[in-house]
Amino acid sequence: MATKKQKIKIDGMHCTSCSMVIDGDLEDTKGVLASYTNYAKGETEVEYKEEEITLDKILEVVKQIGYNPSIE
């Protein structure tokens, strides 16, 4: 299976706990292999399996927990 990495800009984070919530929820999502969120940079890098999840679904997961994701 092919994996893909994508950087996503995330607005609305207020602290490092926000980044932990994002990483936890994304990593609990089927098809997401890893999430590396950097609060200071306001972005996350997600590694995922294209066959199992779409980028739109990843963005939707971030929106559902209260943040505003966008592709750089």
C-alpha atoms as a PDB file:
ATOM      1  CA  MET A   1       0.000   0.000   0.000  1.00  0.00           C
ATOM      2  CA  ALA A   2       1.219   3.446  -0.870  1.00  0.00           C
ATOM      3  CA  THR A   3       1.511   5.994   1.874  1.00  0.00           C
ATOM      4  CA  LYS A   4       1.375   9.738   1.455  1.00  0.00           C
ATOM      5  CA  LYS A   5       2.480  12.642   3.625  1.00  0.00           C
ATOM      6  CA  GLN A   6       0.626  15.949   3.619  1.00  0.00           C
ATOM      7  CA  LYS A   7       1.246  19.180   5.516  1.00  0.00           C
ATOM      8  CA  ILE A   8      -1.902  20.871   6.745  1.00  0.00           C
ATOM      9  CA  LYS A   9      -2.118  24.400   8.140  1.00  0.00           C
ATOM     10  CA  ILE A  10      -4.284  24.492  11.276  1.00  0.00           C
ATOM     11  CA  ASP A  11      -5.828  27.662  12.682  1.00  0.00           C
ATOM     12  CA  GLY A  12      -7.385  27.756  16.123  1.00  0.00           C
ATOM     13  CA  MET A  13      -4.749  26.019  18.234  1.00  0.00           C
ATOM     14  CA  HIS A  14      -4.137  27.777  21.547  1.00  0.00           C
ATOM     15  CA  CYS A  15      -1.584  25.556  23.275  1.00  0.00           C
ATOM     16  CA  THR A  16       0.418  22.360  23.039  1.00  0.00           C
ATOM     17  CA  SER A  17      -2.551  20.411  24.395  1.00  0.00           C
ATOM     18  CA  CYS A  18      -4.389  21.335  21.190  1.00  0.00           C
ATOM     19  CA  SER A  19      -1.675  19.649  19.157  1.00  0.00           C
ATOM     20  CA  MET A  20      -1.944  16.526  21.314  1.00  0.00           C
ATOM     21  CA  VAL A  21      -5.715  16.369  20.771  1.00  0.00           C
ATOM     22  CA  ILE A  22      -5.283  16.697  17.002  1.00  0.00           C
ATOM     23  CA  ASP A  23      -2.592  14.010  16.877  1.00  0.00           C
ATOM     24  CA  GLY A  24      -4.625  11.658  19.042  1.00  0.00           C
ATOM     25  CA  ASP A  25      -7.830  12.000  17.047  1.00  0.00           C
ATOM     26  CA  LEU A  26      -6.070  11.694  13.694  1.00  0.00           C
ATOM     27  CA  GLU A  27      -4.024   8.676  14.777  1.00  0.00           C
ATOM     28  CA  ASP A  28      -7.249   6.994  15.963  1.00  0.00           C
ATOM     29  CA  THR A  29      -8.693   7.421  12.456  1.00  0.00           C
ATOM     30  CA  LYS A  30      -8.544   4.370  10.196  1.00  0.00           C
ATOM     31  CA  GLY A  31      -5.978   4.883   7.450  1.00  0.00           C
ATOM     32  CA  VAL A  32      -3.902   7.485   9.300  1.00  0.00           C
ATOM     33  CA  LEU A  33      -0.485   6.102  10.189  1.00  0.00           C
ATOM     34  CA  ALA A  34       0.947   9.110  12.021  1.00  0.00           C
ATOM     35  CA  SER A  35       0.279  12.755  12.798  1.00  0.00           C
ATOM     36  CA  TYR A  36       2.958  15.262  13.789  1.00  0.00           C
ATOM     37  CA  THR A  37       1.385  18.531  14.923  1.00  0.00           C
ATOM     38  CA  ASN A  38       3.548  21.555  15.703  1.00  0.00           C
ATOM     39  CA  TYR A  39       1.651  24.140  17.738  1.00  0.00           C
ATOM     40  CA  ALA A  40       4.325  26.812  17.257  1.00  0.00           C
ATOM     41  CA  LYS A  41       4.183  26.492  13.457  1.00  0.00           C
ATOM     42  CA  GLY A  42       0.412  26.048  13.369  1.00  0.00           C
ATOM     43  CA  GLU A  43       0.607  22.961  11.189  1.00  0.00           C
ATOM     44  CA  THR A  44       0.468  19.214  11.156  1.00  0.00           C
ATOM     45  CA  GLU A  45       2.027  16.626   8.905  1.00  0.00           C
ATOM     46  CA  VAL A  46      -0.118  13.566   8.386  1.00  0.00           C
ATOM     47  CA  GLU A  47       1.058  10.251   7.015  1.00  0.00           C
ATOM     48  CA  TYR A  48      -1.775   8.158   5.653  1.00  0.00           C
ATOM     49  CA  LYS A  49      -2.758   5.312   3.336  1.00  0.00           C
ATOM     50  CA  GLU A  50      -4.473   6.710   0.245  1.00  0.00           C
ATOM     51  CA  GLU A  51      -6.338   3.434  -0.257  1.00  0.00           C
ATOM     52  CA  GLU A  52      -8.025   3.741   3.156  1.00  0.00           C
ATOM     53  CA  ILE A  53      -8.712   7.444   3.704  1.00  0.00           C
ATOM     54  CA  THR A  54      -8.978  10.612   1.646  1.00  0.00           C
ATOM     55  CA  LEU A  55      -7.417  13.950   2.432  1.00  0.00           C
ATOM     56  CA  ASP A  56     -10.930  15.433   2.610  1.00  0.00           C
ATOM     57  CA  LYS A  57     -11.822  12.969   5.383  1.00  0.00           C
ATOM     58  CA  ILE A  58      -8.660  13.922   7.293  1.00  0.00           C
ATOM     59  CA  LEU A  59      -9.606  17.610   7.043  1.00  0.00           C
ATOM     60  CA  GLU A  60     -13.118  16.744   8.233  1.00  0.00           C
ATOM     61  CA  VAL A  61     -11.741  14.992  11.342  1.00  0.00           C
ATOM     62  CA  VAL A  62      -9.787  18.140  12.242  1.00  0.00           C
ATOM     63  CA  LYS A  63     -12.869  20.334  11.653  1.00  0.00           C
ATOM     64  CA  GLN A  64     -15.023  18.086  13.847  1.00  0.00           C
ATOM     65  CA  ILE A  65     -12.761  18.669  16.845  1.00  0.00           C
ATOM     66  CA  GLY A  66     -12.987  22.444  16.433  1.00  0.00           C
ATOM     67  CA  TYR A  67     -10.026  23.579  14.348  1.00  0.00           C
ATOM     68  CA  ASN A  68      -9.740  25.142  10.902  1.00  0.00           C
ATOM     69  CA  PRO A  69      -7.513  23.087   8.583  1.00  0.00           C
ATOM     70  CA  SER A  70      -6.306  24.193   5.162  1.00  0.00           C
ATOM     71  CA  ILE A  71      -3.827  22.898   2.620  1.00  0.00           C
ATOM     72  CA  GLU A  72      -0.702  25.000   2.232  1.00  0.00           C
END
